[in-house]
Amino acid sequence: MRAQPWPAAVELGNMFQFYAQVPQFVTDRDLDVVRGLNPELQNFEQWLAAHKTALAGI
């Protein structure tokens, strides 16, 4: 991932490595607490629907 020639490839590679090495980061979340911090939290389907025009050219 880090070798890809587009912006943020290194950051995405780092993120995927972190998720692979620290799996509890993904599984140990209390979504009620997260939603309390960010009431506009979206799931992936909501985010995708909100950004579908920006992604149409990909």
N, C-alpha and C. Protein backbone atom coordinates (compact mmCIF):
# COMPACT_ATOMS: atom_id res chain seq x y z
N MET A 1 0.83 -1.19 0.00
CA MET A 1 0.00 0.00 0.00
C MET A 1 0.87 1.25 0.00
N ARG A 2 1.90 1.25 0.81
CA ARG A 2 2.72 2.46 0.95
C ARG A 2 3.43 2.84 -0.36
N ALA A 3 3.62 1.88 -1.25
CA ALA A 3 4.35 2.14 -2.50
C ALA A 3 3.46 2.73 -3.59
N GLN A 4 2.17 2.87 -3.33
CA GLN A 4 1.28 3.40 -4.36
C GLN A 4 1.61 4.86 -4.64
N PRO A 5 1.42 5.31 -5.88
CA PRO A 5 1.83 6.66 -6.26
C PRO A 5 0.79 7.75 -6.03
N TRP A 6 -0.09 7.58 -5.07
CA TRP A 6 -1.11 8.59 -4.84
C TRP A 6 -1.02 9.15 -3.43
N PRO A 7 -1.59 10.35 -3.26
CA PRO A 7 -1.53 10.99 -1.94
C PRO A 7 -2.13 10.11 -0.85
N ALA A 8 -1.55 10.14 0.29
CA ALA A 8 -2.00 9.44 1.49
C ALA A 8 -1.75 7.94 1.45
N ALA A 9 -1.00 7.44 0.47
CA ALA A 9 -0.72 6.00 0.41
C ALA A 9 0.07 5.55 1.64
N VAL A 10 1.01 6.35 2.07
CA VAL A 10 1.81 6.00 3.25
C VAL A 10 0.92 5.98 4.50
N GLU A 11 0.07 6.99 4.63
CA GLU A 11 -0.81 7.05 5.79
C GLU A 11 -1.78 5.87 5.83
N LEU A 12 -2.32 5.51 4.67
CA LEU A 12 -3.22 4.36 4.62
C LEU A 12 -2.48 3.07 4.96
N GLY A 13 -1.27 2.93 4.46
CA GLY A 13 -0.47 1.76 4.79
C GLY A 13 -0.21 1.67 6.29
N ASN A 14 0.10 2.80 6.89
CA ASN A 14 0.31 2.83 8.35
C ASN A 14 -0.97 2.44 9.09
N MET A 15 -2.11 2.95 8.62
CA MET A 15 -3.38 2.63 9.27
C MET A 15 -3.65 1.13 9.19
N PHE A 16 -3.48 0.54 8.01
CA PHE A 16 -3.75 -0.89 7.86
C PHE A 16 -2.79 -1.72 8.70
N GLN A 17 -1.55 -1.29 8.79
CA GLN A 17 -0.60 -2.00 9.64
C GLN A 17 -1.03 -1.93 11.10
N PHE A 18 -1.44 -0.77 11.54
CA PHE A 18 -1.89 -0.61 12.92
C PHE A 18 -3.10 -1.50 13.21
N TYR A 19 -4.08 -1.49 12.30
CA TYR A 19 -5.26 -2.33 12.50
C TYR A 19 -4.88 -3.81 12.57
N ALA A 20 -3.90 -4.23 11.76
CA ALA A 20 -3.48 -5.63 11.77
C ALA A 20 -2.74 -5.99 13.05
N GLN A 21 -1.97 -5.06 13.58
CA GLN A 21 -1.16 -5.34 14.76
C GLN A 21 -1.89 -5.10 16.07
N VAL A 22 -2.95 -4.29 16.04
CA VAL A 22 -3.69 -3.95 17.26
C VAL A 22 -5.19 -4.17 16.99
N PRO A 23 -5.62 -5.44 16.86
CA PRO A 23 -7.01 -5.70 16.47
C PRO A 23 -8.04 -5.20 17.47
N GLN A 24 -7.69 -5.09 18.74
CA GLN A 24 -8.67 -4.60 19.71
C GLN A 24 -9.03 -3.15 19.47
N PHE A 25 -8.22 -2.41 18.71
CA PHE A 25 -8.55 -1.02 18.37
C PHE A 25 -9.88 -0.97 17.62
N VAL A 26 -10.11 -1.94 16.76
CA VAL A 26 -11.34 -1.98 15.96
C VAL A 26 -12.50 -2.57 16.75
N THR A 27 -12.25 -3.57 17.58
CA THR A 27 -13.34 -4.30 18.23
C THR A 27 -13.74 -3.73 19.59
N ASP A 28 -12.89 -2.97 20.24
CA ASP A 28 -13.16 -2.49 21.59
C ASP A 28 -13.69 -1.07 21.62
N ARG A 29 -14.68 -0.79 20.81
CA ARG A 29 -15.24 0.56 20.79
C ARG A 29 -16.68 0.53 21.27
N ASP A 30 -17.00 1.52 22.06
CA ASP A 30 -18.37 1.70 22.51
C ASP A 30 -18.99 2.78 21.61
N LEU A 31 -19.82 2.35 20.66
CA LEU A 31 -20.36 3.30 19.69
C LEU A 31 -21.28 4.34 20.33
N ASP A 32 -21.89 4.02 21.45
CA ASP A 32 -22.71 5.03 22.14
C ASP A 32 -21.83 6.18 22.64
N VAL A 33 -20.64 5.85 23.14
CA VAL A 33 -19.69 6.88 23.58
C VAL A 33 -19.21 7.68 22.37
N VAL A 34 -18.89 6.99 21.29
CA VAL A 34 -18.42 7.67 20.08
C VAL A 34 -19.51 8.61 19.55
N ARG A 35 -20.74 8.14 19.52
CA ARG A 35 -21.84 9.00 19.05
C ARG A 35 -22.08 10.18 19.99
N GLY A 36 -21.79 10.00 21.27
CA GLY A 36 -21.87 11.12 22.21
C GLY A 36 -20.84 12.19 21.90
N LEU A 37 -19.66 11.75 21.46
CA LEU A 37 -18.61 12.69 21.08
C LEU A 37 -18.87 13.31 19.71
N ASN A 38 -19.47 12.52 18.82
CA ASN A 38 -19.74 12.98 17.47
C ASN A 38 -21.14 12.54 17.06
N PRO A 39 -22.15 13.34 17.35
CA PRO A 39 -23.53 12.96 17.04
C PRO A 39 -23.78 12.79 15.53
N GLU A 40 -22.90 13.30 14.68
CA GLU A 40 -23.07 13.17 13.23
C GLU A 40 -22.35 11.94 12.68
N LEU A 41 -21.93 11.05 13.54
CA LEU A 41 -21.26 9.83 13.11
C LEU A 41 -22.11 9.07 12.11
N GLN A 42 -21.47 8.63 11.03
CA GLN A 42 -22.17 7.88 9.98
C GLN A 42 -21.60 6.48 9.87
N ASN A 43 -22.45 5.54 9.47
CA ASN A 43 -21.91 4.24 9.12
C ASN A 43 -21.42 4.33 7.67
N PHE A 44 -20.82 3.26 7.18
CA PHE A 44 -20.24 3.32 5.83
C PHE A 44 -21.31 3.56 4.77
N GLU A 45 -22.46 2.95 4.88
CA GLU A 45 -23.51 3.14 3.89
C GLU A 45 -23.98 4.59 3.84
N GLN A 46 -24.13 5.22 5.00
CA GLN A 46 -24.54 6.62 5.05
C GLN A 46 -23.46 7.52 4.44
N TRP A 47 -22.20 7.24 4.79
CA TRP A 47 -21.10 8.04 4.26
C TRP A 47 -21.02 7.89 2.74
N LEU A 48 -21.16 6.66 2.25
CA LEU A 48 -21.10 6.40 0.81
C LEU A 48 -22.22 7.14 0.08
N ALA A 49 -23.43 7.11 0.62
CA ALA A 49 -24.55 7.82 0.00
C ALA A 49 -24.30 9.33 -0.03
N ALA A 50 -23.70 9.85 1.03
CA ALA A 50 -23.43 11.29 1.10
C ALA A 50 -22.32 11.72 0.16
N HIS A 51 -21.45 10.80 -0.24
CA HIS A 51 -20.30 11.15 -1.09
C HIS A 51 -20.33 10.49 -2.46
N LYS A 52 -21.48 9.97 -2.87
CA LYS A 52 -21.53 9.22 -4.12
C LYS A 52 -21.19 10.07 -5.33
N THR A 53 -21.52 11.35 -5.34
CA THR A 53 -21.18 12.17 -6.51
C THR A 53 -19.67 12.38 -6.59
N ALA A 54 -19.01 12.53 -5.46
CA ALA A 54 -17.55 12.71 -5.46
C ALA A 54 -16.84 11.43 -5.90
N LEU A 55 -17.46 10.29 -5.63
CA LEU A 55 -16.84 9.01 -5.97
C LEU A 55 -17.21 8.53 -7.37
N ALA A 56 -18.11 9.20 -8.03
CA ALA A 56 -18.60 8.75 -9.35
C ALA A 56 -17.47 8.70 -10.39
N GLY A 57 -16.49 9.56 -10.27
CA GLY A 57 -15.43 9.61 -11.26
C GLY A 57 -14.29 8.63 -11.01
N ILE A 58 -14.38 7.88 -9.94
CA ILE A 58 -13.29 6.95 -9.59
C ILE A 58 -13.41 5.67 -10.38
